[in-house]
Amino acid sequence: MVTKTYGTVSPERQKAMSGLEFVKGLVSGALPLNTIARTLGYDVMEAESGRVAITLDPTDAHLNPWGTVHGGLTATLLDSCMGLAIQSMLEKGIGSTTLEFKISLVRAITPETGQIRAEGKVLNCGRRVGTAEGRLTDAKGRLLAHGTTTCLIFSI
């Protein structure tokens, strides 16, 4: 099992690798995950060109006042997997950031749901704008939430 670290990757180091190399570095542990991953408890598990998967085990720390997982956690997981999927398509020296995203919550999530998986897939990646879709599912493959994103693509 790989021990993951948390932090940021310097712009110089980011410029030296393709987006796919960057995201695969997050998966392997060669690069640190962002600190929100530590705060929320998620991990980047899979990466290939145009597709990234993130997993998380919901806990009591993720609950809203009604006893279900806060929608902000769902939004963060979908934003992360979709944004990293776009990043996985980019050449050296190119970055991206979310311009907008939309999510739809389909089914309540609780700690009893067990591990959840957010998978982002690129729909289109151009020179200035990338779009992706994301699906959040439980271990049985049931859809919990889904979303879309538009990302701005730029030189680092």
N, C-alpha and C. Protein backbone atom coordinates (compact mmCIF):
# COMPACT_ATOMS: atom_id res chain seq x y z
N MET A 1 0.84 -1.18 0.00
CA MET A 1 0.00 0.00 0.00
C MET A 1 0.89 1.25 0.00
N VAL A 2 0.53 2.20 -0.83
CA VAL A 2 1.30 3.43 -0.96
C VAL A 2 0.84 4.44 0.09
N THR A 3 1.79 5.04 0.79
CA THR A 3 1.47 6.10 1.73
C THR A 3 1.39 7.41 0.96
N LYS A 4 0.24 8.06 1.04
CA LYS A 4 0.03 9.30 0.31
C LYS A 4 0.46 10.47 1.18
N THR A 5 0.95 11.51 0.52
CA THR A 5 1.29 12.76 1.19
C THR A 5 0.35 13.84 0.67
N TYR A 6 0.35 14.98 1.34
CA TYR A 6 -0.57 16.07 1.00
C TYR A 6 0.20 17.37 0.92
N GLY A 7 -0.23 18.22 0.01
CA GLY A 7 0.42 19.50 -0.17
C GLY A 7 0.12 20.05 -1.55
N THR A 8 1.05 20.82 -2.08
CA THR A 8 0.90 21.37 -3.42
C THR A 8 2.14 21.03 -4.24
N VAL A 9 1.97 21.11 -5.53
CA VAL A 9 3.07 20.86 -6.46
C VAL A 9 3.46 22.21 -7.04
N SER A 10 4.74 22.54 -7.00
CA SER A 10 5.19 23.85 -7.47
C SER A 10 4.86 24.04 -8.95
N PRO A 11 4.63 25.29 -9.37
CA PRO A 11 4.36 25.56 -10.79
C PRO A 11 5.48 25.06 -11.70
N GLU A 12 6.73 25.16 -11.25
CA GLU A 12 7.85 24.69 -12.05
C GLU A 12 7.76 23.18 -12.29
N ARG A 13 7.43 22.45 -11.25
CA ARG A 13 7.31 21.00 -11.38
C ARG A 13 6.10 20.64 -12.25
N GLN A 14 5.00 21.38 -12.09
CA GLN A 14 3.81 21.14 -12.90
C GLN A 14 4.11 21.35 -14.38
N LYS A 15 4.86 22.41 -14.70
CA LYS A 15 5.20 22.72 -16.09
C LYS A 15 6.01 21.62 -16.75
N ALA A 16 6.77 20.88 -15.95
CA ALA A 16 7.69 19.87 -16.49
C ALA A 16 7.00 18.55 -16.83
N MET A 17 5.72 18.42 -16.54
CA MET A 17 5.04 17.15 -16.82
C MET A 17 3.72 17.37 -17.53
N SER A 18 3.30 16.38 -18.28
CA SER A 18 2.00 16.44 -18.92
C SER A 18 0.92 16.31 -17.85
N GLY A 19 -0.29 16.63 -18.22
CA GLY A 19 -1.40 16.48 -17.28
C GLY A 19 -1.60 15.04 -16.85
N LEU A 20 -1.42 14.11 -17.78
CA LEU A 20 -1.57 12.70 -17.43
C LEU A 20 -0.47 12.25 -16.48
N GLU A 21 0.77 12.71 -16.70
CA GLU A 21 1.85 12.39 -15.77
C GLU A 21 1.54 12.95 -14.38
N PHE A 22 0.99 14.16 -14.33
CA PHE A 22 0.61 14.79 -13.07
C PHE A 22 -0.43 13.94 -12.33
N VAL A 23 -1.51 13.59 -13.02
CA VAL A 23 -2.60 12.86 -12.35
C VAL A 23 -2.14 11.46 -11.96
N LYS A 24 -1.34 10.81 -12.81
CA LYS A 24 -0.81 9.49 -12.44
C LYS A 24 0.12 9.59 -11.24
N GLY A 25 0.81 10.73 -11.09
CA GLY A 25 1.64 10.95 -9.91
C GLY A 25 0.82 11.04 -8.64
N LEU A 26 -0.41 11.58 -8.74
CA LEU A 26 -1.31 11.61 -7.59
C LEU A 26 -1.75 10.20 -7.21
N VAL A 27 -2.04 9.39 -8.23
CA VAL A 27 -2.47 8.00 -7.99
C VAL A 27 -1.35 7.19 -7.34
N SER A 28 -0.14 7.31 -7.86
CA SER A 28 0.97 6.48 -7.37
C SER A 28 1.54 6.95 -6.04
N GLY A 29 1.26 8.20 -5.67
CA GLY A 29 1.85 8.76 -4.45
C GLY A 29 3.15 9.48 -4.71
N ALA A 30 3.60 9.52 -5.97
CA ALA A 30 4.82 10.26 -6.31
C ALA A 30 4.64 11.76 -6.13
N LEU A 31 3.40 12.23 -6.25
CA LEU A 31 3.05 13.63 -6.03
C LEU A 31 2.06 13.72 -4.88
N PRO A 32 2.08 14.82 -4.13
CA PRO A 32 1.14 14.95 -3.01
C PRO A 32 -0.28 15.24 -3.50
N LEU A 33 -1.24 14.66 -2.81
CA LEU A 33 -2.64 15.02 -3.04
C LEU A 33 -2.87 16.41 -2.46
N ASN A 34 -3.88 17.11 -2.96
CA ASN A 34 -4.17 18.43 -2.38
C ASN A 34 -4.69 18.27 -0.95
N THR A 35 -4.58 19.33 -0.18
CA THR A 35 -4.91 19.23 1.25
C THR A 35 -6.40 19.03 1.50
N ILE A 36 -7.28 19.42 0.56
CA ILE A 36 -8.71 19.15 0.76
C ILE A 36 -8.96 17.64 0.72
N ALA A 37 -8.12 16.89 0.00
CA ALA A 37 -8.25 15.42 -0.01
C ALA A 37 -8.00 14.87 1.39
N ARG A 38 -7.01 15.43 2.09
CA ARG A 38 -6.76 15.00 3.48
C ARG A 38 -7.93 15.39 4.37
N THR A 39 -8.40 16.62 4.23
CA THR A 39 -9.50 17.12 5.07
C THR A 39 -10.74 16.26 4.92
N LEU A 40 -11.08 15.91 3.68
CA LEU A 40 -12.31 15.16 3.42
C LEU A 40 -12.11 13.65 3.44
N GLY A 41 -10.87 13.20 3.23
CA GLY A 41 -10.59 11.77 3.28
C GLY A 41 -10.74 11.03 1.96
N TYR A 42 -10.56 11.72 0.84
CA TYR A 42 -10.65 11.01 -0.44
C TYR A 42 -9.29 10.74 -1.04
N ASP A 43 -9.26 9.83 -2.01
CA ASP A 43 -8.03 9.43 -2.66
C ASP A 43 -8.26 9.32 -4.17
N VAL A 44 -7.27 9.72 -4.93
CA VAL A 44 -7.30 9.57 -6.38
C VAL A 44 -6.78 8.16 -6.67
N MET A 45 -7.63 7.31 -7.22
CA MET A 45 -7.32 5.89 -7.34
C MET A 45 -6.92 5.43 -8.73
N GLU A 46 -7.50 6.05 -9.77
CA GLU A 46 -7.25 5.61 -11.14
C GLU A 46 -7.11 6.83 -12.04
N ALA A 47 -6.25 6.70 -13.04
CA ALA A 47 -6.11 7.78 -14.02
C ALA A 47 -5.64 7.20 -15.35
N GLU A 48 -6.31 7.61 -16.38
CA GLU A 48 -5.88 7.36 -17.75
C GLU A 48 -6.29 8.59 -18.54
N SER A 49 -5.85 8.69 -19.75
CA SER A 49 -6.16 9.87 -20.55
C SER A 49 -7.68 10.04 -20.67
N GLY A 50 -8.18 11.14 -20.11
CA GLY A 50 -9.60 11.45 -20.21
C GLY A 50 -10.50 10.83 -19.16
N ARG A 51 -9.92 10.11 -18.18
CA ARG A 51 -10.75 9.47 -17.14
C ARG A 51 -9.99 9.41 -15.83
N VAL A 52 -10.66 9.82 -14.73
CA VAL A 52 -10.06 9.78 -13.39
C VAL A 52 -11.12 9.30 -12.41
N ALA A 53 -10.71 8.44 -11.46
CA ALA A 53 -11.62 7.95 -10.42
C ALA A 53 -11.07 8.28 -9.04
N ILE A 54 -11.98 8.69 -8.17
CA ILE A 54 -11.69 9.07 -6.78
C ILE A 54 -12.60 8.26 -5.88
N THR A 55 -12.09 7.82 -4.73
CA THR A 55 -12.94 7.10 -3.78
C THR A 55 -12.91 7.76 -2.40
N LEU A 56 -13.96 7.49 -1.64
CA LEU A 56 -14.07 8.02 -0.29
C LEU A 56 -15.00 7.11 0.51
N ASP A 57 -14.68 6.92 1.76
CA ASP A 57 -15.57 6.22 2.69
C ASP A 57 -16.27 7.28 3.54
N PRO A 58 -17.58 7.50 3.34
CA PRO A 58 -18.28 8.52 4.13
C PRO A 58 -18.27 8.18 5.62
N THR A 59 -18.11 9.21 6.45
CA THR A 59 -18.11 9.04 7.91
C THR A 59 -19.04 10.07 8.54
N ASP A 60 -19.15 9.99 9.85
CA ASP A 60 -19.95 10.97 10.59
C ASP A 60 -19.42 12.40 10.41
N ALA A 61 -18.15 12.56 10.07
CA ALA A 61 -17.56 13.88 9.86
C ALA A 61 -18.10 14.58 8.62
N HIS A 62 -18.78 13.85 7.73
CA HIS A 62 -19.28 14.40 6.47
C HIS A 62 -20.77 14.75 6.51
N LEU A 63 -21.40 14.62 7.67
CA LEU A 63 -22.86 14.74 7.73
C LEU A 63 -23.36 16.17 7.85
N ASN A 64 -24.53 16.39 7.28
CA ASN A 64 -25.25 17.65 7.45
C ASN A 64 -26.18 17.52 8.66
N PRO A 65 -26.94 18.55 9.02
CA PRO A 65 -27.80 18.46 10.20
C PRO A 65 -28.88 17.37 10.12
N TRP A 66 -29.18 16.87 8.92
CA TRP A 66 -30.21 15.85 8.76
C TRP A 66 -29.66 14.44 8.82
N GLY A 67 -28.34 14.31 9.00
CA GLY A 67 -27.75 12.99 9.14
C GLY A 67 -27.35 12.31 7.85
N THR A 68 -27.36 13.06 6.75
CA THR A 68 -26.88 12.52 5.48
C THR A 68 -25.62 13.29 5.09
N VAL A 69 -24.86 12.72 4.16
CA VAL A 69 -23.63 13.36 3.72
C VAL A 69 -23.96 14.70 3.07
N HIS A 70 -23.23 15.72 3.45
CA HIS A 70 -23.44 17.07 2.95
C HIS A 70 -23.24 17.11 1.43
N GLY A 71 -24.11 17.82 0.74
CA GLY A 71 -24.01 17.95 -0.70
C GLY A 71 -22.70 18.59 -1.16
N GLY A 72 -22.08 19.39 -0.29
CA GLY A 72 -20.80 19.99 -0.63
C GLY A 72 -19.70 18.96 -0.81
N LEU A 73 -19.78 17.85 -0.08
CA LEU A 73 -18.81 16.77 -0.26
C LEU A 73 -19.00 16.14 -1.63
N THR A 74 -20.25 15.88 -1.98
CA THR A 74 -20.55 15.33 -3.30
C THR A 74 -20.05 16.26 -4.39
N ALA A 75 -20.30 17.55 -4.23
CA ALA A 75 -19.85 18.53 -5.22
C ALA A 75 -18.33 18.54 -5.34
N THR A 76 -17.64 18.46 -4.22
CA THR A 76 -16.18 18.47 -4.24
C THR A 76 -15.63 17.23 -4.95
N LEU A 77 -16.19 16.07 -4.66
CA LEU A 77 -15.73 14.84 -5.31
C LEU A 77 -15.94 14.91 -6.82
N LEU A 78 -17.12 15.36 -7.24
CA LEU A 78 -17.39 15.46 -8.68
C LEU A 78 -16.53 16.53 -9.34
N ASP A 79 -16.39 17.68 -8.70
CA ASP A 79 -15.54 18.74 -9.26
C ASP A 79 -14.11 18.24 -9.41
N SER A 80 -13.62 17.51 -8.42
CA SER A 80 -12.24 17.01 -8.45
C SER A 80 -12.03 15.98 -9.55
N CYS A 81 -12.90 14.99 -9.64
CA CYS A 81 -12.69 13.94 -10.65
C CYS A 81 -12.87 14.47 -12.06
N MET A 82 -13.82 15.38 -12.26
CA MET A 82 -14.03 15.94 -13.60
C MET A 82 -12.87 16.85 -13.99
N GLY A 83 -12.42 17.69 -13.05
CA GLY A 83 -11.31 18.59 -13.33
C GLY A 83 -10.02 17.83 -13.60
N LEU A 84 -9.76 16.78 -12.84
CA LEU A 84 -8.56 15.98 -13.06
C LEU A 84 -8.65 15.20 -14.38
N ALA A 85 -9.85 14.80 -14.78
CA ALA A 85 -10.01 14.14 -16.07
C ALA A 85 -9.60 15.10 -17.20
N ILE A 86 -10.02 16.35 -17.10
CA ILE A 86 -9.61 17.36 -18.09
C ILE A 86 -8.09 17.51 -18.03
N GLN A 87 -7.52 17.65 -16.83
CA GLN A 87 -6.08 17.82 -16.68
C GLN A 87 -5.32 16.67 -17.34
N SER A 88 -5.86 15.48 -17.26
CA SER A 88 -5.19 14.30 -17.82
C SER A 88 -5.02 14.37 -19.33
N MET A 89 -5.71 15.28 -19.98
CA MET A 89 -5.65 15.42 -21.44
C MET A 89 -4.66 16.49 -21.88
N LEU A 90 -4.07 17.23 -20.95
CA LEU A 90 -3.30 18.41 -21.30
C LEU A 90 -1.81 18.14 -21.46
N GLU A 91 -1.18 18.91 -22.33
CA GLU A 91 0.26 18.80 -22.60
C GLU A 91 1.06 19.49 -21.50
N LYS A 92 2.37 19.32 -21.52
CA LYS A 92 3.26 20.01 -20.58
C LYS A 92 3.04 21.52 -20.67
N GLY A 93 3.08 22.17 -19.51
CA GLY A 93 2.97 23.63 -19.47
C GLY A 93 1.56 24.16 -19.59
N ILE A 94 0.57 23.27 -19.59
CA ILE A 94 -0.83 23.68 -19.72
C ILE A 94 -1.59 23.25 -18.46
N GLY A 95 -2.42 24.14 -17.95
CA GLY A 95 -3.23 23.85 -16.78
C GLY A 95 -4.70 24.12 -17.06
N SER A 96 -5.52 23.91 -16.05
CA SER A 96 -6.95 24.17 -16.19
C SER A 96 -7.54 24.54 -14.84
N THR A 97 -8.70 25.17 -14.90
CA THR A 97 -9.44 25.50 -13.69
C THR A 97 -10.93 25.46 -14.00
N THR A 98 -11.73 25.16 -13.01
CA THR A 98 -13.18 25.08 -13.20
C THR A 98 -13.77 26.46 -13.45
N LEU A 99 -14.54 26.57 -14.53
CA LEU A 99 -15.32 27.78 -14.79
C LEU A 99 -16.71 27.66 -14.18
N GLU A 100 -17.29 26.50 -14.34
CA GLU A 100 -18.61 26.25 -13.75
C GLU A 100 -18.83 24.74 -13.69
N PHE A 101 -19.70 24.33 -12.78
CA PHE A 101 -20.12 22.94 -12.76
C PHE A 101 -21.53 22.85 -12.21
N LYS A 102 -22.21 21.78 -12.59
CA LYS A 102 -23.57 21.53 -12.14
C LYS A 102 -23.63 20.10 -11.66
N ILE A 103 -24.30 19.89 -10.55
CA ILE A 103 -24.49 18.53 -10.06
C ILE A 103 -25.97 18.29 -9.77
N SER A 104 -26.33 17.05 -9.86
CA SER A 104 -27.67 16.60 -9.47
C SER A 104 -27.50 15.50 -8.44
N LEU A 105 -28.13 15.67 -7.29
CA LEU A 105 -28.08 14.67 -6.22
C LEU A 105 -29.25 13.72 -6.43
N VAL A 106 -28.96 12.43 -6.54
CA VAL A 106 -29.98 11.45 -6.90
C VAL A 106 -30.44 10.63 -5.70
N ARG A 107 -29.51 10.25 -4.84
CA ARG A 107 -29.81 9.36 -3.71
C ARG A 107 -29.04 9.83 -2.49
N ALA A 108 -29.65 9.73 -1.32
CA ALA A 108 -28.98 10.13 -0.08
C ALA A 108 -27.77 9.23 0.18
N ILE A 109 -26.72 9.85 0.74
CA ILE A 109 -25.50 9.13 1.12
C ILE A 109 -25.36 9.23 2.63
N THR A 110 -25.05 8.12 3.27
CA THR A 110 -24.81 8.08 4.72
C THR A 110 -23.54 7.26 4.94
N PRO A 111 -23.02 7.24 6.17
CA PRO A 111 -21.87 6.36 6.43
C PRO A 111 -22.17 4.89 6.11
N GLU A 112 -23.43 4.50 6.22
CA GLU A 112 -23.82 3.12 5.93
C GLU A 112 -23.78 2.81 4.43
N THR A 113 -23.70 3.83 3.59
CA THR A 113 -23.62 3.62 2.14
C THR A 113 -22.35 2.85 1.80
N GLY A 114 -21.30 3.04 2.59
CA GLY A 114 -20.02 2.41 2.29
C GLY A 114 -19.25 3.25 1.29
N GLN A 115 -18.17 2.68 0.78
CA GLN A 115 -17.29 3.44 -0.11
C GLN A 115 -18.06 3.94 -1.34
N ILE A 116 -17.77 5.21 -1.67
CA ILE A 116 -18.35 5.81 -2.87
C ILE A 116 -17.23 6.12 -3.85
N ARG A 117 -17.61 6.16 -5.13
CA ARG A 117 -16.63 6.34 -6.20
C ARG A 117 -17.13 7.43 -7.14
N ALA A 118 -16.27 8.42 -7.36
CA ALA A 118 -16.56 9.49 -8.30
C ALA A 118 -15.67 9.28 -9.52
N GLU A 119 -16.29 9.17 -10.69
CA GLU A 119 -15.52 8.98 -11.92
C GLU A 119 -15.84 10.09 -12.90
N GLY A 120 -14.78 10.76 -13.34
CA GLY A 120 -14.93 11.84 -14.31
C GLY A 120 -14.42 11.39 -15.67
N LYS A 121 -15.16 11.76 -16.73
CA LYS A 121 -14.77 11.43 -18.10
C LYS A 121 -14.88 12.69 -18.96
N VAL A 122 -13.87 12.92 -19.76
CA VAL A 122 -13.85 14.09 -20.65
C VAL A 122 -14.85 13.89 -21.78
N LEU A 123 -15.63 14.93 -22.03
CA LEU A 123 -16.53 14.95 -23.17
C LEU A 123 -15.86 15.61 -24.37
N ASN A 124 -15.15 16.71 -24.11
CA ASN A 124 -14.43 17.43 -25.15
C ASN A 124 -13.31 18.24 -24.51
N CYS A 125 -12.16 18.26 -25.15
CA CYS A 125 -11.05 19.05 -24.64
C CYS A 125 -10.43 19.80 -25.80
N GLY A 126 -10.67 21.11 -25.82
CA GLY A 126 -10.12 21.96 -26.86
C GLY A 126 -8.92 22.74 -26.36
N ARG A 127 -8.54 23.78 -27.10
CA ARG A 127 -7.39 24.59 -26.69
C ARG A 127 -7.71 25.53 -25.55
N ARG A 128 -8.95 26.00 -25.42
CA ARG A 128 -9.31 26.99 -24.40
C ARG A 128 -10.33 26.47 -23.38
N VAL A 129 -11.14 25.50 -23.78
CA VAL A 129 -12.21 25.02 -22.91
C VAL A 129 -12.28 23.50 -22.97
N GLY A 130 -12.49 22.90 -21.80
CA GLY A 130 -12.72 21.46 -21.72
C GLY A 130 -14.02 21.20 -20.99
N THR A 131 -14.72 20.14 -21.38
CA THR A 131 -15.95 19.76 -20.69
C THR A 131 -15.84 18.29 -20.28
N ALA A 132 -16.46 17.97 -19.15
CA ALA A 132 -16.42 16.60 -18.65
C ALA A 132 -17.71 16.31 -17.91
N GLU A 133 -17.96 15.03 -17.74
CA GLU A 133 -19.10 14.58 -16.94
C GLU A 133 -18.58 13.71 -15.81
N GLY A 134 -19.36 13.64 -14.74
CA GLY A 134 -18.97 12.82 -13.61
C GLY A 134 -20.14 12.04 -13.06
N ARG A 135 -19.84 10.88 -12.52
CA ARG A 135 -20.85 10.03 -11.89
C ARG A 135 -20.33 9.60 -10.52
N LEU A 136 -21.17 9.68 -9.52
CA LEU A 136 -20.85 9.22 -8.17
C LEU A 136 -21.72 8.00 -7.90
N THR A 137 -21.07 6.86 -7.60
CA THR A 137 -21.80 5.61 -7.39
C THR A 137 -21.39 4.95 -6.09
N ASP A 138 -22.22 4.02 -5.62
CA ASP A 138 -21.86 3.22 -4.45
C ASP A 138 -21.22 1.91 -4.92
N ALA A 139 -20.88 1.04 -3.97
CA ALA A 139 -20.19 -0.21 -4.30
C ALA A 139 -21.05 -1.14 -5.15
N LYS A 140 -22.37 -0.94 -5.13
CA LYS A 140 -23.27 -1.76 -5.94
C LYS A 140 -23.49 -1.16 -7.33
N GLY A 141 -22.83 -0.03 -7.59
CA GLY A 141 -22.98 0.61 -8.90
C GLY A 141 -24.19 1.53 -9.01
N ARG A 142 -24.91 1.74 -7.90
CA ARG A 142 -26.08 2.62 -7.94
C ARG A 142 -25.65 4.07 -8.06
N LEU A 143 -26.31 4.82 -8.91
CA LEU A 143 -26.01 6.23 -9.10
C LEU A 143 -26.47 7.03 -7.89
N LEU A 144 -25.55 7.81 -7.31
CA LEU A 144 -25.85 8.66 -6.16
C LEU A 144 -25.96 10.12 -6.57
N ALA A 145 -25.15 10.53 -7.56
CA ALA A 145 -25.14 11.91 -8.05
C ALA A 145 -24.42 11.92 -9.39
N HIS A 146 -24.67 12.96 -10.17
CA HIS A 146 -23.95 13.12 -11.43
C HIS A 146 -23.78 14.60 -11.71
N GLY A 147 -22.88 14.93 -12.62
CA GLY A 147 -22.63 16.33 -12.90
C GLY A 147 -21.88 16.54 -14.20
N THR A 148 -21.73 17.81 -14.53
CA THR A 148 -20.95 18.23 -15.69
C THR A 148 -20.11 19.44 -15.28
N THR A 149 -19.02 19.66 -16.00
CA THR A 149 -18.17 20.80 -15.73
C THR A 149 -17.68 21.41 -17.03
N THR A 150 -17.34 22.68 -16.94
CA THR A 150 -16.63 23.40 -17.99
C THR A 150 -15.38 23.97 -17.34
N CYS A 151 -14.23 23.69 -17.96
CA CYS A 151 -12.96 24.17 -17.42
C CYS A 151 -12.25 25.07 -18.43
N LEU A 152 -11.61 26.11 -17.92
CA LEU A 152 -10.77 26.97 -18.72
C LEU A 152 -9.40 26.34 -18.81
N ILE A 153 -8.83 26.31 -20.01
CA ILE A 153 -7.50 25.75 -20.25
C ILE A 153 -6.55 26.91 -20.56
N PHE A 154 -5.36 26.89 -19.94
CA PHE A 154 -4.45 28.02 -20.05
C PHE A 154 -2.98 27.59 -19.90
N SER A 155 -2.07 28.42 -20.33
CA SER A 155 -0.64 28.16 -20.12
C SER A 155 -0.30 28.42 -18.66
N ILE A 156 0.52 27.56 -18.09
CA ILE A 156 0.95 27.74 -16.69
C ILE A 156 2.04 28.78 -16.64
